[in-house]
C-alpha atoms as a PDB file:
ATOM      1  CA  MET A   1      -3.397  -7.270  22.278  1.00  0.00           C
ATOM      2  CA  ASP A   2      -5.334  -4.623  20.380  1.00  0.00           C
ATOM      3  CA  LYS A   3      -8.293  -6.322  18.700  1.00  0.00           C
ATOM      4  CA  ASN A   4      -8.747  -3.363  16.346  1.00  0.00           C
ATOM      5  CA  LYS A   5      -5.455  -3.954  14.559  1.00  0.00           C
ATOM      6  CA  LYS A   6      -5.778  -4.893  10.911  1.00  0.00           C
ATOM      7  CA  PHE A   7      -3.316  -6.643   8.635  1.00  0.00           C
ATOM      8  CA  PHE A   8      -2.649  -6.914   4.934  1.00  0.00           C
ATOM      9  CA  ILE A   9      -1.379 -10.109   3.377  1.00  0.00           C
ATOM     10  CA  ILE A  10       1.488  -9.098   1.121  1.00  0.00           C
ATOM     11  CA  LYS A  11       2.538 -11.317  -1.773  1.00  0.00           C
ATOM     12  CA  LYS A  12       6.217 -11.034  -2.630  1.00  0.00           C
ATOM     13  CA  ARG A  13       6.992 -12.218  -6.145  1.00  0.00           C
ATOM     14  CA  LYS A  14      10.400 -12.670  -7.751  1.00  0.00           C
ATOM     15  CA  PHE A  15      10.412 -12.479 -11.538  1.00  0.00           C
ATOM     16  CA  LEU A  16      13.407 -11.990 -13.812  1.00  0.00           C
ATOM     17  CA  GLY A  17      15.576 -10.848 -10.908  1.00  0.00           C
ATOM     18  CA  THR A  18      13.098  -8.212  -9.748  1.00  0.00           C
ATOM     19  CA  GLU A  19      10.975  -8.360  -6.625  1.00  0.00           C
ATOM     20  CA  SER A  20       7.449  -6.974  -6.586  1.00  0.00           C
ATOM     21  CA  TYR A  21       4.962  -6.671  -3.741  1.00  0.00           C
ATOM     22  CA  HIS A  22       1.171  -6.740  -3.944  1.00  0.00           C
ATOM     23  CA  ILE A  23      -1.628  -6.689  -1.383  1.00  0.00           C
ATOM     24  CA  HIS A  24      -3.372 -10.031  -1.692  1.00  0.00           C
ATOM     25  CA  ASP A  25      -7.114  -9.735  -2.332  1.00  0.00           C
ATOM     26  CA  SER A  26      -7.061  -5.940  -1.633  1.00  0.00           C
ATOM     27  CA  ASN A  27      -8.494  -6.546   1.840  1.00  0.00           C
ATOM     28  CA  MET A  28      -7.372  -6.093   5.413  1.00  0.00           C
ATOM     29  CA  TYR A  29      -8.043  -8.669   8.080  1.00  0.00           C
ATOM     30  CA  ASP A  30      -7.974  -9.097  11.842  1.00  0.00           C
ATOM     31  CA  LEU A  31      -4.945 -11.067  13.060  1.00  0.00           C
ATOM     32  CA  THR A  32      -6.713 -14.419  13.387  1.00  0.00           C
ATOM     33  CA  THR A  33      -8.218 -14.308   9.909  1.00  0.00           C
ATOM     34  CA  ALA A  34      -4.970 -13.003   8.393  1.00  0.00           C
ATOM     35  CA  VAL A  35      -2.926 -15.844   9.899  1.00  0.00           C
ATOM     36  CA  LYS A  36      -5.448 -18.459   8.724  1.00  0.00           C
ATOM     37  CA  LYS A  37      -5.395 -17.062   5.183  1.00  0.00           C
ATOM     38  CA  LEU A  38      -1.588 -16.750   5.254  1.00  0.00           C
ATOM     39  CA  LEU A  39      -1.220 -20.403   6.242  1.00  0.00           C
ATOM     40  CA  ALA A  40      -3.675 -21.491   3.540  1.00  0.00           C
ATOM     41  CA  LEU A  41      -1.881 -19.454   0.872  1.00  0.00           C
ATOM     42  CA  ASP A  42       1.488 -20.786   1.965  1.00  0.00           C
ATOM     43  CA  THR A  43       0.160 -24.367   1.897  1.00  0.00           C
ATOM     44  CA  LEU A  44      -1.203 -23.942  -1.648  1.00  0.00           C
ATOM     45  CA  ASN A  45       1.919 -22.125  -2.858  1.00  0.00           C
ATOM     46  CA  GLU A  46       3.666 -24.445  -5.324  1.00  0.00           C
ATOM     47  CA  ASP A  47       6.377 -21.965  -6.306  1.00  0.00           C
ATOM     48  CA  ARG A  48       7.969 -21.122  -2.945  1.00  0.00           C
ATOM     49  CA  GLU A  49      11.207 -20.171  -4.628  1.00  0.00           C
ATOM     50  CA  ASN A  50       9.569 -17.195  -6.360  1.00  0.00           C
ATOM     51  CA  ASN A  51       6.442 -16.459  -4.297  1.00  0.00           C
ATOM     52  CA  SER A  52       6.019 -15.832  -0.593  1.00  0.00           C
ATOM     53  CA  TYR A  53       3.371 -14.310   1.651  1.00  0.00           C
ATOM     54  CA  HIS A  54       3.873 -11.967   4.603  1.00  0.00           C
ATOM     55  CA  LEU A  55       1.757 -10.027   7.086  1.00  0.00           C
ATOM     56  CA  GLN A  56       1.931  -6.236   7.268  1.00  0.00           C
ATOM     57  CA  GLU A  57       0.135  -4.307   9.974  1.00  0.00           C
ATOM     58  CA  VAL A  58      -2.099  -1.545   8.630  1.00  0.00           C
ATOM     59  CA  ASN A  59      -0.984   1.782  10.077  1.00  0.00           C
ATOM     60  CA  PHE A  60      -3.672   4.437  10.263  1.00  0.00           C
ATOM     61  CA  SER A  61      -1.508   6.969  12.100  1.00  0.00           C
ATOM     62  CA  MET A  62      -0.880   9.033   8.981  1.00  0.00           C
ATOM     63  CA  VAL A  63      -4.572   9.358   8.109  1.00  0.00           C
ATOM     64  CA  ASP A  64      -5.742  10.121  11.647  1.00  0.00           C
ATOM     65  CA  LYS A  65      -4.061  13.511  11.561  1.00  0.00           C
ATOM     66  CA  PRO A  66      -5.426  16.480   9.628  1.00  0.00           C
ATOM     67  CA  LEU A  67      -3.680  17.418   6.426  1.00  0.00           C
ATOM     68  CA  VAL A  68      -1.453  20.463   6.824  1.00  0.00           C
ATOM     69  CA  LEU A  69      -0.894  22.481   3.673  1.00  0.00           C
ATOM     70  CA  THR A  70       2.521  23.930   2.995  1.00  0.00           C
ATOM     71  CA  ASP A  71       3.008  27.609   2.145  1.00  0.00           C
ATOM     72  CA  GLU A  72       3.617  26.621  -1.473  1.00  0.00           C
ATOM     73  CA  VAL A  73       0.146  25.117  -1.738  1.00  0.00           C
ATOM     74  CA  LYS A  74      -1.470  27.937   0.218  1.00  0.00           C
ATOM     75  CA  GLU A  75      -0.035  30.568  -2.103  1.00  0.00           C
ATOM     76  CA  ASP A  76      -2.877  32.248  -3.944  1.00  0.00           C
ATOM     77  CA  LYS A  77      -2.080  32.453  -7.640  1.00  0.00           C
ATOM     78  CA  ASN A  78      -4.244  33.143 -10.573  1.00  0.00           C
ATOM     79  CA  TRP A  79      -4.201  29.936 -12.626  1.00  0.00           C
ATOM     80  CA  LYS A  80      -3.764  31.922 -15.868  1.00  0.00           C
ATOM     81  CA  GLU A  81      -0.441  33.226 -14.588  1.00  0.00           C
ATOM     82  CA  CYS A  82       0.813  29.643 -14.175  1.00  0.00           C
ATOM     83  CA  ILE A  83       0.262  28.655 -17.827  1.00  0.00           C
ATOM     84  CA  GLN A  84       3.187  28.889 -20.186  1.00  0.00           C
ATOM     85  CA  GLU A  85       2.113  30.441 -23.454  1.00  0.00           C
ATOM     86  CA  ASP A  86       4.967  28.837 -25.399  1.00  0.00           C
ATOM     87  CA  LEU A  87       3.601  25.283 -25.152  1.00  0.00           C
ATOM     88  CA  PRO A  88       3.185  23.690 -28.611  1.00  0.00           C
ATOM     89  CA  PHE A  89      -0.317  22.364 -28.042  1.00  0.00           C
END
């Protein structure tokens, strides 16, 4: 097992027929800590019908690679040429 893996605790909330997801406490944890916190949150959860907690592995693969600009972004334009003069403000 990779000891460098990190996990988010995701809170799933059902409200008025809509589901929303939030990262609990805005932190990432190692697996042991995440499971302990998940169990504690689930134990304290009084509204299991509408609230649940889940683990999500943090994936750094997208940020490990350099950003590659598209030709559209690379295009050199004078910013004054991009402004529309007919705007009302």
